[in-house]
Protein backbone atom coordinates (compact mmCIF):
# COMPACT_ATOMS: atom_id res chain seq x y z
CA MET A 1 142.93 124.82 130.54
CA ARG A 2 142.62 121.53 131.02
CA TRP A 3 141.25 118.93 128.51
CA GLU A 4 138.32 116.41 130.44
CA ARG A 5 136.82 114.02 128.10
CA PRO A 6 132.98 114.81 128.69
CA GLY A 7 130.58 111.38 129.38
CA LYS A 8 127.87 111.56 126.97
CA GLU A 9 125.98 113.76 128.95
CA ARG A 10 126.57 117.83 128.75
CA ALA A 11 128.04 118.51 131.43
CA SER A 12 127.36 122.44 132.79
CA ALA A 13 131.57 123.21 133.48
CA HIS A 14 133.66 124.21 130.50
CA LYS A 15 134.93 121.34 128.81
CA VAL A 16 137.44 120.96 125.11
CA VAL A 17 135.43 118.97 123.28
CA VAL A 18 137.94 117.14 120.23
CA ILE A 19 136.04 115.55 117.30
CA SER A 20 139.04 114.09 115.19
CA ILE A 21 138.63 113.63 111.37
CA ASP A 22 141.34 111.94 109.59
CA GLY A 23 141.83 110.10 106.32
CA PRO A 24 144.19 110.14 103.37
CA VAL A 25 144.95 112.94 100.84
CA GLY A 26 141.80 114.44 98.91
CA ALA A 27 139.08 113.04 101.08
CA GLY A 28 137.90 115.73 101.82
CA LYS A 29 138.83 116.13 104.66
CA SER A 30 139.08 120.07 104.93
CA SER A 31 136.02 120.99 103.59
CA VAL A 32 134.19 118.47 106.25
CA ALA A 33 135.31 119.52 109.31
CA ARG A 34 135.03 123.49 108.00
CA ILE A 35 131.24 122.85 107.60
CA LEU A 36 131.01 120.42 110.41
CA ALA A 37 132.68 122.86 113.24
CA GLN A 38 130.52 125.80 112.16
CA ARG A 39 127.31 123.63 112.35
CA LEU A 40 128.72 122.96 116.06
CA GLY A 41 130.04 126.30 116.63
CA TYR A 42 133.55 124.99 117.15
CA ILE A 43 136.54 126.12 115.52
CA HIS A 44 138.60 124.30 112.77
CA ILE A 45 142.06 123.07 112.97
CA ASP A 46 143.55 121.73 109.93
CA SER A 47 146.91 119.89 111.26
CA GLY A 48 147.66 119.50 107.46
CA ALA A 49 147.70 123.39 107.10
CA MET A 50 150.78 123.04 109.32
CA TYR A 51 153.12 120.79 107.74
CA ARG A 52 152.22 122.29 104.57
CA ALA A 53 153.05 125.93 105.76
CA VAL A 54 156.27 124.91 107.56
CA ALA A 55 157.03 123.05 104.12
CA ALA A 56 156.01 126.27 102.01
CA GLU A 57 158.45 128.39 103.98
CA ALA A 58 161.77 126.00 103.83
CA LEU A 59 161.11 125.52 99.83
CA ARG A 60 160.99 129.53 99.74
CA ARG A 61 164.32 129.94 102.25
CA GLY A 62 165.77 126.94 100.18
CA ILE A 63 166.03 124.72 103.93
CA ASP A 64 166.88 120.78 102.74
CA LEU A 65 163.52 119.41 103.27
CA GLU A 66 165.34 116.41 105.06
CA ASP A 67 167.44 118.53 107.35
CA GLU A 68 165.73 117.82 110.58
CA GLU A 69 167.47 120.58 112.94
CA ALA A 70 166.99 123.32 110.48
CA LEU A 71 162.89 122.24 109.81
CA SER A 72 162.62 122.06 113.77
CA HIS A 73 164.15 125.38 114.47
CA LEU A 74 162.03 126.93 111.31
CA ILE A 75 159.36 126.02 113.51
CA GLU A 76 160.39 127.25 116.71
CA VAL A 77 161.30 131.08 115.11
CA ALA A 78 159.05 131.10 112.49
CA GLY A 79 155.70 131.88 113.63
CA ILE A 80 152.77 129.35 113.12
CA GLU A 81 149.10 130.86 113.39
CA LEU A 82 146.28 129.84 112.23
CA ARG A 83 143.11 132.66 111.99
CA GLY A 84 139.35 132.27 111.13
CA GLU A 85 138.15 134.44 109.58
CA GLU A 86 134.59 135.06 108.12
CA GLY A 87 134.08 130.64 108.08
CA GLN A 88 137.26 130.43 106.42
CA LEU A 89 140.99 129.13 107.96
CA ARG A 90 143.92 131.74 107.05
CA ILE A 91 147.09 130.57 107.52
CA LEU A 92 149.73 132.64 108.39
CA ILE A 93 153.74 131.88 109.00
CA GLY A 94 155.82 135.07 110.10
CA GLY A 95 152.95 137.49 109.88
CA ARG A 96 152.59 136.46 106.25
CA ASP A 97 149.31 135.01 104.95
CA VAL A 98 150.61 131.52 103.29
CA THR A 99 146.74 130.69 102.75
CA GLU A 100 146.84 130.03 99.13
CA GLU A 101 150.45 129.47 98.65
CA ILE A 102 150.61 125.77 100.93
CA ARG A 103 148.00 124.72 98.27
CA SER A 104 150.68 124.50 95.59
CA PRO A 105 152.00 120.70 94.24
CA GLN A 106 155.46 121.15 95.94
CA ALA A 107 154.02 122.53 98.86
CA SER A 108 151.65 119.61 99.32
CA GLN A 109 154.57 116.99 98.44
CA ALA A 110 157.07 118.44 100.45
CA SER A 111 155.07 118.78 103.42
CA SER A 112 154.45 114.92 102.73
CA ILE A 113 158.19 114.58 103.11
CA ILE A 114 158.62 116.62 105.98
CA SER A 115 156.10 114.88 107.96
CA THR A 116 158.06 111.90 108.29
CA LEU A 117 160.19 113.88 110.50
CA GLU A 118 160.32 113.12 114.19
CA GLY A 119 161.30 116.81 115.30
CA VAL A 120 159.20 118.37 112.88
CA ARG A 121 156.14 115.90 114.30
CA SER A 122 156.72 116.17 117.85
CA ARG A 123 157.01 120.42 117.73
CA LEU A 124 153.62 120.34 115.37
CA VAL A 125 151.98 117.81 117.18
CA ALA A 126 152.49 119.79 120.31
CA ARG A 127 151.72 123.26 118.58
CA GLN A 128 148.23 121.30 117.62
CA ARG A 129 147.17 120.40 121.20
CA GLU A 130 148.42 124.04 122.47
CA LEU A 131 145.77 125.30 119.59
CA ALA A 132 142.83 123.39 121.07
CA MET A 133 143.65 123.87 124.84
CA LYS A 134 143.10 127.41 124.11
CA SER A 135 139.55 126.98 122.67
CA LYS A 136 136.95 128.06 124.67
CA VAL A 137 134.65 125.71 122.55
CA GLY A 138 134.65 122.56 121.38
CA VAL A 139 137.29 121.66 118.49
CA VAL A 140 136.94 119.88 114.95
CA MET A 141 140.67 118.92 114.29
CA GLU A 142 141.23 117.16 111.28
CA GLY A 143 144.90 115.22 109.44
CA ARG A 144 146.46 111.91 109.61
CA ASP A 145 146.77 111.05 113.00
CA ILE A 146 144.68 113.06 115.16
CA GLY A 147 142.60 110.55 116.65
CA THR A 148 145.48 107.99 116.77
CA VAL A 149 148.48 110.53 118.12
CA VAL A 150 147.68 113.97 118.59
CA PHE A 151 144.26 113.28 120.59
CA PRO A 152 144.00 109.73 121.04
CA GLU A 153 141.15 109.84 123.57
CA ALA A 154 139.14 112.17 121.46
CA ASP A 155 135.51 112.87 122.63
CA LEU A 156 134.66 111.32 118.87
CA LYS A 157 136.59 110.05 115.94
CA PHE A 158 135.68 110.14 112.24
CA TYR A 159 138.33 108.52 109.84
CA LEU A 160 136.91 109.51 106.71
CA ASP A 161 138.09 107.77 103.09
CA SER A 162 137.43 107.82 99.18
CA SER A 163 138.66 105.67 96.09
CA LEU A 164 141.53 106.47 95.04
CA GLU A 165 140.32 107.37 91.60
CA GLU A 166 137.73 109.52 93.61
CA ARG A 167 140.15 111.54 95.23
CA ALA A 168 142.78 112.09 92.17
CA ARG A 169 139.59 113.58 90.14
CA ARG A 170 138.73 115.78 93.06
CA ARG A 171 142.51 117.17 93.45
CA TYR A 172 142.91 117.24 89.83
CA ARG A 173 139.71 119.36 89.83
CA ASP A 174 140.98 121.60 92.41
CA LEU A 175 144.09 122.49 91.35
CA LEU A 176 142.30 123.26 88.15
CA ARG A 177 140.65 125.93 90.20
CA GLN A 178 143.50 127.15 91.42
CA GLY A 179 144.59 127.95 88.16
CA GLU A 180 147.69 125.28 88.53
CA LYS A 181 148.51 123.04 85.43
CA ALA A 182 147.61 119.35 86.13
CA ASN A 183 147.32 115.90 84.36
CA LEU A 184 144.64 113.33 85.65
CA ALA A 185 147.35 110.60 85.59
CA GLU A 186 149.69 112.22 87.03
CA THR A 187 147.79 113.69 89.99
CA LEU A 188 145.99 110.16 90.77
CA LYS A 189 150.33 108.71 90.61
CA GLU A 190 151.14 111.35 93.30
CA ILE A 191 148.24 110.68 95.49
CA GLU A 192 148.98 106.86 95.25
CA ILE A 193 152.77 107.46 96.28
CA ARG A 194 151.63 109.97 99.40
CA ASP A 195 148.83 107.45 100.59
CA GLU A 196 152.42 104.86 100.67
CA ARG A 197 154.66 107.43 102.53
CA ASP A 198 151.91 108.33 104.62
CA SER A 199 150.90 105.09 105.39
CA GLN A 200 154.02 103.39 105.89
CA ARG A 201 155.62 106.13 107.32
CA ARG A 202 157.92 104.97 110.95
CA LEU A 203 156.54 107.57 112.71
CA SER A 204 152.38 108.12 113.19
CA PRO A 205 151.02 106.18 109.81
CA LEU A 206 148.18 106.46 108.74
CA ARG A 207 145.66 104.46 110.02
CA PRO A 208 141.86 104.66 111.28
CA ALA A 209 141.57 104.37 115.15
CA GLU A 210 140.43 101.32 116.33
CA ASP A 211 137.16 102.92 118.04
CA SER A 212 136.84 106.13 114.40
CA ILE A 213 133.69 105.92 113.01
CA ARG A 214 134.61 105.08 109.32
CA ILE A 215 132.46 106.37 106.50
CA ASP A 216 133.66 106.38 102.15
CA SER A 217 132.48 109.46 100.78
CA THR A 218 133.49 108.29 97.26
CA HIS A 219 129.48 109.08 96.54
CA LEU A 220 128.59 111.33 98.76
CA GLY A 221 128.35 115.31 98.38
CA LEU A 222 129.85 117.41 101.30
CA GLU A 223 126.19 117.83 102.68
CA GLU A 224 125.69 114.22 103.24
CA VAL A 225 129.01 113.98 104.71
CA VAL A 226 128.50 116.29 107.47
CA ASN A 227 124.57 115.36 107.84
CA LEU A 228 126.08 111.64 108.52
CA MET A 229 128.20 112.87 111.15
CA LEU A 230 125.93 115.46 112.75
CA GLU A 231 123.60 112.00 113.00
CA HIS A 232 126.53 109.99 114.72
CA ILE A 233 127.29 112.95 117.21
CA ARG A 234 123.18 113.40 117.98
CA SER A 235 123.05 109.67 118.44
CA ARG A 236 126.27 109.82 121.05
CA TRP A 237 125.05 113.58 122.67
CA GLY A 238 121.61 113.88 121.78
CA ASP A 239 120.96 117.44 120.38
CA ALA A 240 122.22 119.58 122.92
CA ARG A 241 125.51 120.35 121.07
CA ILE A 242 123.94 120.53 117.52
């Protein structure tokens, strides 16, 4: 299936519509993308989950996180799957459900390290594009470089941000809900390090696309962010896609 960028009008011919949501860790991208996809009847692709799945599997197998060749081979043979089940995204690698496992602090930090490797990025970007192309409906894809690298011609681009302190609080609460031991000050420091690594890396650094719509979620709830995005979609395409 060929990806075509639609105009403002909704054509009758099938097109793969891509909405990208980029932003730093803790900005709320995953939750917002999932809800927005549900509202639109689109599929949700969490690109970060793919990096975390590879990182978690590498940790399980004892693979050096800087061994680009071994990690690239892992991506080719492990079999990464994203499945939507009852409104929730499930991530499998080698047929094993790792949805909860990849949310650990260890997997999160490891994914930030492997994402700097060209062999890893090129293979996962190819998989992300492939997943979008296979969709029979539109796609809401979120990550760090969706609007700048994966789909630079996405039909609508959002950049979701929040203050460092608020993102740390959100991540801290998530860790406690997952039963992890957490310290707010340490969580803030980890996010600060992650931000620096993501924004300073040579390949696909985290940055807003020039044509992205920027939303600060510091003082907004999930529904408020989603509704704000829907307003932008309506202003661009009308109600036909809502």
